[in-house]
Amino acid sequence: MPQPFSLYNTLTRQKAPFAPLNAPFVGVYLCGPTVYSEAHVGNARGPVVFDVLTRYLRYLEYKVRYVRNITDVGHLVDDADEGEDKIGRIARARQVEPMEVAEGYTNLYQDHMMALGCLPPDITPRASGHIIEQIEMTEQIMANGFAYESNGSVYFDVPAYNAAGKEYGKLSNRVVEELLAGSRDNLTGQDEKRSPLDFALWKRADERHLMRWPSPWGEGFPGWHLECSAMSRKYLGAEFDIHGGGLDLMFPHHECEIAQSQACEHPTNEARVWMHNNMITVNGQKMSKSAGNFITISQLFSGENEVLAQAYSPMTARFFLLQAHYRSPVDITDEGLQAAGKGYRKLMNGLRLLDKLQLPEGLEAAADTSAADAELRKLAADCFAGLNDDLNTARTIASLFNLLRKLNGYAAKPDTLAQVSPAALNEATATYRTLVQDVLGLRDEPRASAEDLLGLTLHFYQEAKAAKDYGKVDEIRAALKQQGIVVKDSKTGVDWAYSEE
């Protein structure tokens, strides 16, 4: 019997078979980027992991609605409730509209995700487009007694929430008393709050803030945590199936999301399953601008970063991220990326091999193929075992290499194909192709340059012409014409042009 698809739930700290709220429908939400700068490599891990998750859920015939937001307002520079909006600060420095900053980095982020093979989410909501929903949610929380207004700002009342038995800290497994002890020494700018643990649902806009909206409490802007709760509730309902993000978002961002959803109408934990991908380091050190090892996605693709020895293609980067389990840390090194490139190309060569696996003419299949069929089917089934065990792409990739080793053996000795039935072979090749392309989302990236190959072809053309091998000259001309290329001879040499016919 096939192993059920199971996921680890950060909220319960257990792995359990996945059971959707309203099968076959599945709601999935991933926290997207704050678009105040170019995304770094760490920002790519969550989208790649959740792309595989949604692809696999669809392979399992679930009807998925995948939402990944864009934070274009409300995320302040110190990740708390003070300071300037990250996007507003950049806009002020550049003397442009904040939405120019947000739009530019949003477009770049989406281009990078597409390059990495991530399918577009079904909905990509923006925080600035859902101000009404965030105000309404704030009003609900206030009406339920879990928030208060102070000097034009509205704060979530953590002590009142806990007094009602709601348990702030249950996601991150943090104790409120310990959080209070750690926060009492840093009360700068906290005088509006009743407790240092309280967090902003709505902030009054002072003269520094370029982005502001009218509200019942005066002009202001939403808190960073509120946007995801409001947008996920709008598009996925008060409770949905899976919410994800980086491990660094578990506290306070996701913890606050749960509190907000528990404190308003139809209280829930927001999502039934909370998934968190682990962090990325560079050569064993935490990636940060101050450490000088900060790698943007553009730099990874171009190699223009001092910690990189070369450029790495998008599919190499995707394979690199998927060869580790999403809950394990990943360390970026040149050696690791180069090895990933070799592994990725090995899988691509496997795809090219599949259609060539045919029994030689004149050779008949063996009368009894049961033993070989059983072995091949087990290798194919093992490829799904990793995905079913908490989306363990590392295990699935290892199983794909085991299957490929067997298929390579058949290719090297075609006579051995007589030992396996066509049905078992078709099942194995379909498994390989489906998992590599449709689930893992790895596509072929030709390494050869079309310009270089064309130049090499023209070199052979010139050699044939010099040798007066006119048959070869005509053959090359005809072959290039089939590709829409015409050869142009002149006194200065040989060139090419696109056919205009």
Protein backbone atom coordinates (compact mmCIF):
# COMPACT_ATOMS: atom_id res chain seq x y z
CA MET A 1 0.00 0.00 0.00
CA PRO A 2 1.48 3.41 -0.95
CA GLN A 3 2.75 5.58 1.87
CA PRO A 4 0.39 8.52 2.58
CA PHE A 5 1.59 12.04 1.93
CA SER A 6 2.74 13.42 5.29
CA LEU A 7 3.96 16.84 6.41
CA TYR A 8 5.70 18.11 9.52
CA ASN A 9 3.61 20.70 11.34
CA THR A 10 5.58 23.32 13.28
CA LEU A 11 2.50 24.04 15.39
CA THR A 12 2.12 20.46 16.65
CA ARG A 13 5.80 19.50 16.27
CA GLN A 14 4.66 16.28 14.68
CA LYS A 15 4.58 14.72 11.26
CA ALA A 16 1.16 13.49 10.20
CA PRO A 17 -0.70 12.38 7.04
CA PHE A 18 -2.00 15.39 5.18
CA ALA A 19 -5.78 15.73 5.42
CA PRO A 20 -7.28 18.79 3.67
CA LEU A 21 -10.13 20.69 5.26
CA ASN A 22 -12.30 20.40 2.17
CA ALA A 23 -10.81 17.79 -0.12
CA PRO A 24 -10.07 17.87 -2.98
CA PHE A 25 -9.54 21.62 -2.45
CA VAL A 26 -6.31 22.74 -0.78
CA GLY A 27 -5.45 26.28 0.29
CA VAL A 28 -1.76 27.19 0.48
CA TYR A 29 -0.24 30.51 1.59
CA LEU A 30 3.44 31.47 1.45
CA CYS A 31 4.83 34.69 2.88
CA GLY A 32 6.36 36.58 -0.03
CA PRO A 33 9.08 39.24 -0.12
CA THR A 34 9.24 42.79 1.18
CA VAL A 35 10.10 44.52 -2.09
CA TYR A 36 12.49 47.22 -0.88
CA SER A 37 15.60 45.64 -2.44
CA GLU A 38 16.63 42.78 -4.70
CA ALA A 39 15.93 39.33 -3.29
CA HIS A 40 18.87 37.29 -2.05
CA VAL A 41 19.42 33.55 -2.42
CA GLY A 42 17.74 32.85 0.92
CA ASN A 43 14.54 34.47 -0.38
CA ALA A 44 14.42 31.86 -3.16
CA ARG A 45 14.28 28.77 -0.96
CA GLY A 46 10.69 29.13 0.23
CA PRO A 47 9.25 29.75 -3.24
CA VAL A 48 11.18 26.79 -4.71
CA VAL A 49 10.06 24.47 -1.89
CA PHE A 50 6.44 25.61 -2.13
CA ASP A 51 6.52 25.34 -5.91
CA VAL A 52 7.39 21.65 -5.52
CA LEU A 53 4.74 21.30 -2.80
CA THR A 54 1.97 22.73 -4.97
CA ARG A 55 3.16 20.79 -8.02
CA TYR A 56 3.06 17.55 -6.03
CA LEU A 57 -0.34 18.28 -4.50
CA ARG A 58 -1.67 18.80 -8.01
CA TYR A 59 -0.03 15.57 -9.14
CA LEU A 60 -1.96 13.91 -6.28
CA GLU A 61 -5.06 15.43 -7.93
CA TYR A 62 -5.83 18.07 -5.34
CA LYS A 63 -7.29 21.35 -6.55
CA VAL A 64 -4.81 23.86 -5.13
CA ARG A 65 -5.21 27.59 -4.60
CA TYR A 66 -1.71 28.91 -3.99
CA VAL A 67 -1.35 32.45 -2.62
CA ARG A 68 2.00 34.23 -2.26
CA ASN A 69 1.86 37.85 -1.16
CA ILE A 70 3.92 40.94 -1.90
CA THR A 71 4.72 43.16 1.11
CA ASP A 72 4.78 46.68 -0.28
CA VAL A 73 3.89 48.59 2.90
CA GLY A 74 4.07 48.21 6.66
CA HIS A 75 7.41 46.43 7.13
CA LEU A 76 9.53 48.81 9.21
CA VAL A 77 13.32 48.98 9.18
CA ASP A 78 13.81 47.33 12.58
CA ASP A 79 11.25 44.54 11.88
CA ALA A 80 9.24 45.79 14.88
CA ASP A 81 6.92 48.76 15.41
CA GLU A 82 9.30 51.69 15.18
CA GLY A 83 11.32 53.36 12.46
CA GLU A 84 10.64 54.11 8.84
CA ASP A 85 8.93 51.90 6.31
CA LYS A 86 11.60 49.94 4.40
CA ILE A 87 10.17 50.87 1.01
CA GLY A 88 9.48 54.46 2.04
CA ARG A 89 13.06 54.94 3.16
CA ILE A 90 14.43 53.85 -0.23
CA ALA A 91 11.87 56.00 -2.04
CA ARG A 92 12.85 59.04 0.00
CA ALA A 93 16.54 58.48 -0.74
CA ARG A 94 15.87 58.13 -4.48
CA GLN A 95 13.26 60.90 -4.55
CA VAL A 96 10.68 58.67 -6.24
CA GLU A 97 7.23 57.38 -5.36
CA PRO A 98 7.30 54.37 -3.00
CA MET A 99 5.32 52.31 -5.49
CA GLU A 100 8.06 52.85 -8.08
CA VAL A 101 10.45 51.12 -5.72
CA ALA A 102 7.94 48.37 -4.95
CA GLU A 103 7.00 47.79 -8.59
CA GLY A 104 10.59 47.59 -9.79
CA TYR A 105 11.65 45.04 -7.20
CA THR A 106 8.40 43.09 -7.55
CA ASN A 107 8.96 42.69 -11.29
CA LEU A 108 12.58 41.62 -10.73
CA TYR A 109 11.54 39.12 -8.05
CA GLN A 110 8.89 37.58 -10.28
CA ASP A 111 11.36 37.34 -13.18
CA HIS A 112 13.82 35.54 -10.90
CA MET A 113 11.17 33.13 -9.63
CA MET A 114 10.20 32.32 -13.21
CA ALA A 115 13.86 31.72 -14.11
CA LEU A 116 14.10 29.34 -11.14
CA GLY A 117 11.22 27.35 -12.59
CA CYS A 118 8.58 28.46 -10.08
CA LEU A 119 5.09 28.46 -11.53
CA PRO A 120 3.20 31.71 -10.83
CA PRO A 121 0.96 31.57 -7.74
CA ASP A 122 -2.77 31.53 -8.37
CA ILE A 123 -3.08 34.84 -6.49
CA THR A 124 -0.36 37.38 -5.72
CA PRO A 125 -2.01 39.92 -3.40
CA ARG A 126 -0.27 43.13 -2.34
CA ALA A 127 -0.54 44.59 1.13
CA SER A 128 -1.25 48.08 -0.24
CA GLY A 129 -4.23 46.71 -2.16
CA HIS A 130 -5.92 45.30 0.94
CA ILE A 131 -6.02 48.23 3.35
CA ILE A 132 -9.81 47.96 3.78
CA GLU A 133 -9.56 44.30 4.82
CA GLN A 134 -6.80 45.11 7.30
CA ILE A 135 -8.79 47.94 8.88
CA GLU A 136 -11.84 45.68 9.16
CA MET A 137 -9.77 42.95 10.83
CA THR A 138 -8.33 45.48 13.28
CA GLU A 139 -11.84 46.62 14.18
CA GLN A 140 -12.90 43.02 14.83
CA ILE A 141 -9.93 42.42 17.13
CA MET A 142 -10.67 45.65 19.03
CA ALA A 143 -14.35 44.73 19.36
CA ASN A 144 -13.34 41.39 20.88
CA GLY A 145 -11.23 43.13 23.50
CA PHE A 146 -7.80 42.09 22.21
CA ALA A 147 -6.52 45.47 20.91
CA TYR A 148 -6.49 49.11 21.99
CA GLU A 149 -5.91 52.50 20.40
CA SER A 150 -3.04 54.68 21.61
CA ASN A 151 -2.17 58.06 20.09
CA GLY A 152 -3.58 57.14 16.68
CA SER A 153 -2.01 53.66 16.61
CA VAL A 154 -3.68 50.36 17.42
CA TYR A 155 -1.83 47.63 19.30
CA PHE A 156 -2.61 43.99 19.87
CA ASP A 157 -3.01 43.31 23.61
CA VAL A 158 -0.90 40.21 24.26
CA PRO A 159 -1.60 40.04 28.06
CA ALA A 160 -5.36 40.23 27.44
CA TYR A 161 -5.03 37.54 24.77
CA ASN A 162 -3.18 35.22 27.14
CA ALA A 163 -5.59 35.98 29.98
CA ALA A 164 -8.32 34.61 27.71
CA GLY A 165 -6.39 31.34 27.44
CA LYS A 166 -5.25 31.92 23.86
CA GLU A 167 -1.53 31.09 24.42
CA TYR A 168 0.66 33.57 22.57
CA GLY A 169 3.94 31.75 21.84
CA LYS A 170 2.55 28.32 21.03
CA LEU A 171 3.91 28.25 17.48
CA SER A 172 7.47 29.23 18.38
CA ASN A 173 7.31 27.41 21.74
CA ARG A 174 8.19 30.60 23.62
CA VAL A 175 7.08 31.43 27.13
CA VAL A 176 5.55 34.88 27.65
CA GLU A 177 7.36 35.45 30.96
CA GLU A 178 10.72 34.82 29.29
CA LEU A 179 9.81 37.11 26.39
CA LEU A 180 8.88 39.84 28.87
CA ALA A 181 12.14 39.42 30.77
CA GLY A 182 14.09 39.82 27.55
CA SER A 183 12.18 42.88 26.39
CA ARG A 184 12.12 45.09 29.49
CA ASP A 185 15.61 46.47 28.90
CA ASN A 186 14.73 47.82 25.47
CA LEU A 187 11.69 50.04 25.84
CA THR A 188 12.75 52.81 23.45
CA GLY A 189 9.71 54.04 21.55
CA GLN A 190 7.46 51.63 23.46
CA ASP A 191 5.67 54.21 25.62
CA GLU A 192 2.45 53.89 23.58
CA LYS A 193 2.18 50.20 24.46
CA ARG A 194 0.68 48.73 27.60
CA SER A 195 3.11 45.82 27.37
CA PRO A 196 6.42 45.51 25.49
CA LEU A 197 5.05 42.33 23.88
CA ASP A 198 2.15 44.18 22.26
CA PHE A 199 2.52 44.65 18.51
CA ALA A 200 1.05 47.11 16.04
CA LEU A 201 -2.03 46.36 14.01
CA TRP A 202 -2.18 49.93 12.71
CA LYS A 203 0.42 52.68 13.04
CA ARG A 204 -0.13 56.41 13.01
CA ALA A 205 1.82 57.97 10.14
CA ASP A 206 4.22 60.71 11.15
CA GLU A 207 5.87 63.17 8.79
CA ARG A 208 8.47 60.60 7.67
CA HIS A 209 5.97 58.17 6.21
CA LEU A 210 5.18 58.61 2.54
CA MET A 211 2.54 55.87 2.45
CA ARG A 212 -0.61 56.57 4.49
CA TRP A 213 -4.30 55.84 4.40
CA PRO A 214 -7.34 57.21 6.29
CA SER A 215 -8.66 55.04 9.10
CA PRO A 216 -11.00 55.33 12.11
CA TRP A 217 -7.90 56.20 14.15
CA GLY A 218 -6.43 58.80 11.79
CA GLU A 219 -4.02 58.60 8.88
CA GLY A 220 -1.67 55.67 9.10
CA PHE A 221 -0.60 52.34 7.67
CA PRO A 222 -1.06 48.65 8.60
CA GLY A 223 1.28 46.60 10.72
CA TRP A 224 3.50 44.09 8.98
CA HIS A 225 1.91 41.03 10.64
CA LEU A 226 -1.64 42.07 9.89
CA GLU A 227 -1.39 41.97 6.10
CA CYS A 228 -0.84 38.21 5.80
CA SER A 229 -3.68 37.40 8.18
CA ALA A 230 -6.07 39.68 6.28
CA MET A 231 -5.06 38.51 2.80
CA SER A 232 -4.96 34.79 3.62
CA ARG A 233 -8.39 35.08 5.24
CA LYS A 234 -9.78 36.90 2.20
CA TYR A 235 -8.57 34.38 -0.38
CA LEU A 236 -8.37 31.12 1.59
CA GLY A 237 -10.90 31.53 4.39
CA ALA A 238 -10.70 31.86 8.17
CA GLU A 239 -8.93 28.50 8.31
CA PHE A 240 -6.99 26.90 5.50
CA ASP A 241 -4.60 24.02 4.95
CA ILE A 242 -0.95 25.10 4.73
CA HIS A 243 0.93 28.29 5.65
CA GLY A 244 4.66 28.55 5.04
CA GLY A 245 7.70 30.74 5.18
CA GLY A 246 11.28 30.87 6.35
CA LEU A 247 12.26 29.78 9.83
CA ASP A 248 13.11 33.39 10.64
CA LEU A 249 9.42 34.31 10.20
CA MET A 250 8.14 31.86 12.81
CA PHE A 251 8.63 34.51 15.51
CA PRO A 252 7.33 37.11 15.66
CA HIS A 253 5.60 37.24 12.27
CA HIS A 254 3.78 33.92 12.18
CA GLU A 255 3.19 33.91 15.92
CA CYS A 256 1.45 37.27 15.55
CA GLU A 257 -0.56 36.01 12.59
CA ILE A 258 -2.01 33.19 14.68
CA ALA A 259 -2.83 35.63 17.50
CA GLN A 260 -4.64 37.96 15.08
CA SER A 261 -6.66 35.12 13.58
CA GLN A 262 -7.55 33.78 17.01
CA ALA A 263 -8.63 37.24 18.19
CA CYS A 264 -11.07 38.18 15.44
CA GLU A 265 -14.32 36.68 14.20
CA HIS A 266 -14.26 32.92 13.54
CA PRO A 267 -11.11 32.30 15.64
CA THR A 268 -8.65 29.78 14.20
CA ASN A 269 -4.92 29.04 14.09
CA GLU A 270 -5.14 30.46 10.55
CA ALA A 271 -3.61 27.35 8.98
CA ARG A 272 -3.86 23.74 10.07
CA VAL A 273 -0.30 22.98 8.97
CA TRP A 274 2.56 25.46 9.45
CA MET A 275 5.68 24.71 7.38
CA HIS A 276 9.04 26.44 7.82
CA ASN A 277 12.06 26.07 5.58
CA ASN A 278 15.47 26.37 7.21
CA MET A 279 18.07 29.06 6.65
CA ILE A 280 20.89 29.44 4.13
CA THR A 281 24.52 30.07 5.09
CA VAL A 282 27.50 30.96 2.90
CA ASN A 283 30.72 29.02 3.45
CA GLY A 284 29.49 28.12 6.93
CA GLN A 285 28.57 31.67 7.99
CA LYS A 286 25.18 33.33 8.26
CA MET A 287 24.51 35.37 5.13
CA SER A 288 24.46 39.10 5.90
CA LYS A 289 25.46 42.37 4.30
CA SER A 290 27.75 43.22 7.22
CA ALA A 291 29.68 39.96 6.79
CA GLY A 292 30.22 40.71 3.10
CA ASN A 293 28.80 37.34 2.01
CA PHE A 294 25.41 38.57 0.87
CA ILE A 295 24.49 37.00 -2.49
CA THR A 296 21.57 38.33 -4.53
CA ILE A 297 19.83 36.07 -7.03
CA SER A 298 21.18 38.18 -9.91
CA GLN A 299 24.72 37.75 -8.58
CA LEU A 300 24.26 33.99 -8.33
CA PHE A 301 23.20 33.88 -11.98
CA SER A 302 26.02 36.21 -13.13
CA GLY A 303 28.81 35.14 -10.76
CA GLU A 304 29.48 38.80 -9.98
CA ASN A 305 30.11 38.34 -6.27
CA GLU A 306 33.47 37.94 -4.58
CA VAL A 307 32.39 34.80 -2.70
CA LEU A 308 31.53 33.05 -6.00
CA ALA A 309 34.11 31.65 -8.40
CA GLN A 310 31.68 31.49 -11.34
CA ALA A 311 28.11 32.01 -12.48
CA TYR A 312 25.48 29.37 -11.79
CA SER A 313 22.43 28.76 -13.95
CA PRO A 314 18.90 28.99 -12.52
CA MET A 315 18.33 25.24 -12.83
CA THR A 316 21.63 24.50 -11.08
CA ALA A 317 20.45 26.79 -8.27
CA ARG A 318 17.07 25.05 -8.12
CA PHE A 319 18.65 21.59 -8.00
CA PHE A 320 21.07 22.83 -5.32
CA LEU A 321 18.17 23.98 -3.11
CA LEU A 322 16.19 20.77 -3.64
CA GLN A 323 19.03 18.36 -2.90
CA ALA A 324 18.56 19.15 0.80
CA HIS A 325 15.41 18.56 2.84
CA TYR A 326 13.59 21.86 3.30
CA ARG A 327 13.86 21.69 7.10
CA SER A 328 17.63 21.26 6.94
CA PRO A 329 20.04 24.21 6.64
CA VAL A 330 21.81 24.74 3.32
CA ASP A 331 25.36 26.03 3.04
CA ILE A 332 26.30 27.78 -0.20
CA THR A 333 29.80 26.95 -1.42
CA ASP A 334 31.31 26.89 -4.89
CA GLU A 335 32.06 23.19 -4.43
CA GLY A 336 28.44 22.49 -3.53
CA LEU A 337 27.06 24.51 -6.42
CA GLN A 338 29.45 22.90 -8.90
CA ALA A 339 28.45 19.45 -7.67
CA ALA A 340 24.80 20.47 -8.03
CA GLY A 341 25.47 21.44 -11.64
CA LYS A 342 26.84 17.97 -12.35
CA GLY A 343 23.89 16.30 -10.64
CA TYR A 344 21.39 18.45 -12.54
CA ARG A 345 23.03 17.62 -15.90
CA LYS A 346 23.00 13.92 -15.01
CA LEU A 347 19.22 14.10 -14.54
CA MET A 348 18.86 15.96 -17.85
CA ASN A 349 20.90 13.31 -19.65
CA GLY A 350 18.51 10.79 -18.14
CA LEU A 351 15.57 12.55 -19.81
CA ARG A 352 17.33 12.32 -23.19
CA LEU A 353 17.85 8.63 -22.62
CA LEU A 354 14.23 7.63 -22.01
CA ASP A 355 12.97 7.52 -25.59
CA LYS A 356 15.99 5.46 -26.67
CA LEU A 357 15.16 2.53 -24.40
CA GLN A 358 13.77 0.11 -26.96
CA LEU A 359 14.23 -3.61 -27.41
CA PRO A 360 16.51 -4.29 -30.43
CA GLU A 361 14.72 -5.53 -33.54
CA GLY A 362 14.45 -9.27 -33.79
CA LEU A 363 14.74 -9.78 -30.05
CA GLU A 364 11.70 -10.98 -28.13
CA ALA A 365 10.83 -10.31 -24.51
CA ALA A 366 11.52 -13.12 -22.04
CA ALA A 367 8.63 -15.37 -21.12
CA ASP A 368 8.95 -14.48 -17.43
CA THR A 369 9.82 -10.86 -16.63
CA SER A 370 8.39 -10.83 -13.11
CA ALA A 371 11.70 -10.54 -11.24
CA ALA A 372 13.00 -7.63 -13.36
CA ASP A 373 9.58 -5.97 -13.33
CA ALA A 374 9.40 -6.12 -9.54
CA GLU A 375 12.88 -4.62 -9.19
CA LEU A 376 12.14 -1.80 -11.64
CA ARG A 377 8.77 -1.00 -10.08
CA LYS A 378 10.33 -0.85 -6.62
CA LEU A 379 12.96 1.62 -7.85
CA ALA A 380 10.18 3.77 -9.32
CA ALA A 381 8.03 3.57 -6.16
CA ASP A 382 11.00 4.59 -4.01
CA CYS A 383 11.09 7.90 -5.89
CA PHE A 384 7.72 8.81 -4.39
CA ALA A 385 8.62 7.71 -0.87
CA GLY A 386 10.74 10.79 -0.24
CA LEU A 387 8.07 13.24 -1.37
CA ASN A 388 5.46 11.45 0.72
CA ASP A 389 7.70 11.75 3.78
CA ASP A 390 7.45 15.48 4.53
CA LEU A 391 8.39 16.57 1.00
CA ASN A 392 11.90 15.11 1.29
CA THR A 393 13.22 16.16 -2.12
CA ALA A 394 16.74 15.07 -1.15
CA ARG A 395 15.58 11.48 -0.74
CA THR A 396 13.58 11.63 -3.96
CA ILE A 397 16.57 12.90 -5.94
CA ALA A 398 18.72 10.07 -4.54
CA SER A 399 16.02 7.58 -5.55
CA LEU A 400 15.85 9.09 -9.05
CA PHE A 401 19.59 8.54 -9.42
CA ASN A 402 19.11 4.90 -8.36
CA LEU A 403 16.39 4.50 -11.00
CA LEU A 404 18.56 6.25 -13.59
CA ARG A 405 21.44 3.87 -12.83
CA LYS A 406 19.18 0.97 -13.76
CA LEU A 407 17.93 2.70 -16.91
CA ASN A 408 21.51 3.51 -17.92
CA GLY A 409 22.30 -0.19 -17.57
CA TYR A 410 19.53 -1.04 -20.01
CA ALA A 411 20.82 1.61 -22.43
CA ALA A 412 24.37 0.25 -22.26
CA LYS A 413 23.17 -3.31 -22.88
CA PRO A 414 19.93 -3.10 -24.92
CA ASP A 415 19.62 -6.89 -24.99
CA THR A 416 18.81 -6.81 -21.27
CA LEU A 417 15.56 -4.98 -22.08
CA ALA A 418 14.21 -8.42 -22.97
CA GLN A 419 14.19 -9.19 -19.24
CA VAL A 420 11.61 -6.50 -18.43
CA SER A 421 8.07 -6.06 -19.72
CA PRO A 422 7.14 -2.98 -21.80
CA ALA A 423 4.54 -2.06 -19.19
CA ALA A 424 7.04 -1.97 -16.31
CA LEU A 425 9.53 -0.04 -18.43
CA ASN A 426 6.89 2.52 -19.43
CA GLU A 427 5.87 2.98 -15.79
CA ALA A 428 9.48 3.58 -14.76
CA THR A 429 10.24 6.04 -17.53
CA ALA A 430 6.97 7.89 -16.90
CA THR A 431 7.85 8.15 -13.20
CA TYR A 432 11.28 9.54 -14.01
CA ARG A 433 9.99 12.08 -16.52
CA THR A 434 7.05 13.20 -14.35
CA LEU A 435 9.04 13.66 -11.16
CA VAL A 436 12.01 15.42 -12.78
CA GLN A 437 10.02 17.78 -14.99
CA ASP A 438 6.53 18.17 -13.55
CA VAL A 439 7.12 17.81 -9.79
CA LEU A 440 10.71 18.88 -9.15
CA GLY A 441 10.28 21.43 -11.94
CA LEU A 442 13.70 20.89 -13.52
CA ARG A 443 13.89 21.84 -17.17
CA ASP A 444 16.63 21.54 -19.74
CA GLU A 445 19.07 24.42 -19.99
CA PRO A 446 21.14 23.91 -23.14
CA ARG A 447 24.77 24.72 -22.32
CA ALA A 448 25.74 25.27 -25.95
CA SER A 449 25.53 28.75 -27.43
CA ALA A 450 23.59 28.94 -30.71
CA GLU A 451 25.96 31.67 -31.91
CA ASP A 452 29.01 29.52 -31.14
CA LEU A 453 27.53 26.47 -32.88
CA LEU A 454 26.64 28.58 -35.91
CA GLY A 455 30.19 29.93 -36.01
CA LEU A 456 31.56 26.39 -35.86
CA THR A 457 29.25 25.33 -38.70
CA LEU A 458 30.43 28.25 -40.86
CA HIS A 459 34.02 27.24 -40.11
CA PHE A 460 33.30 23.76 -41.50
CA TYR A 461 31.56 25.43 -44.46
CA GLN A 462 34.69 27.45 -45.23
CA GLU A 463 36.88 24.36 -44.94
CA ALA A 464 34.63 22.45 -47.35
CA LYS A 465 34.65 25.37 -49.78
CA ALA A 466 38.45 25.67 -49.64
CA ALA A 467 38.74 21.93 -50.33
CA LYS A 468 36.28 22.33 -53.24
CA ASP A 469 34.01 19.77 -51.60
CA TYR A 470 30.93 21.32 -53.16
CA GLY A 471 28.68 18.47 -52.12
CA LYS A 472 29.47 19.23 -48.48
CA VAL A 473 29.06 22.98 -49.15
CA ASP A 474 25.56 22.40 -50.54
CA GLU A 475 24.71 20.04 -47.68
CA ILE A 476 25.66 22.64 -45.04
CA ARG A 477 23.77 25.40 -46.91
CA ALA A 478 20.64 23.23 -47.11
CA ALA A 479 20.82 22.21 -43.45
CA LEU A 480 21.17 25.83 -42.31
CA LYS A 481 18.33 26.92 -44.58
CA GLN A 482 16.10 24.34 -42.86
CA GLN A 483 16.84 26.28 -39.63
CA GLY A 484 15.95 29.63 -41.24
CA ILE A 485 19.61 30.66 -41.79
CA VAL A 486 21.17 31.64 -45.12
CA VAL A 487 24.92 31.66 -45.78
CA LYS A 488 26.32 34.83 -47.34
CA ASP A 489 29.63 34.58 -49.23
CA SER A 490 31.58 37.76 -49.93
CA LYS A 491 35.10 38.86 -50.78
CA THR A 492 35.74 39.57 -47.10
CA GLY A 493 34.62 36.15 -45.88
CA VAL A 494 31.54 34.22 -44.87
CA ASP A 495 28.61 35.53 -42.84
CA TRP A 496 25.03 34.50 -42.16
CA ALA A 497 21.61 36.14 -42.03
CA TYR A 498 18.07 35.14 -41.17
CA SER A 499 16.12 33.86 -44.13
CA GLU A 500 13.53 36.38 -45.30
CA GLU A 501 11.50 33.84 -47.25
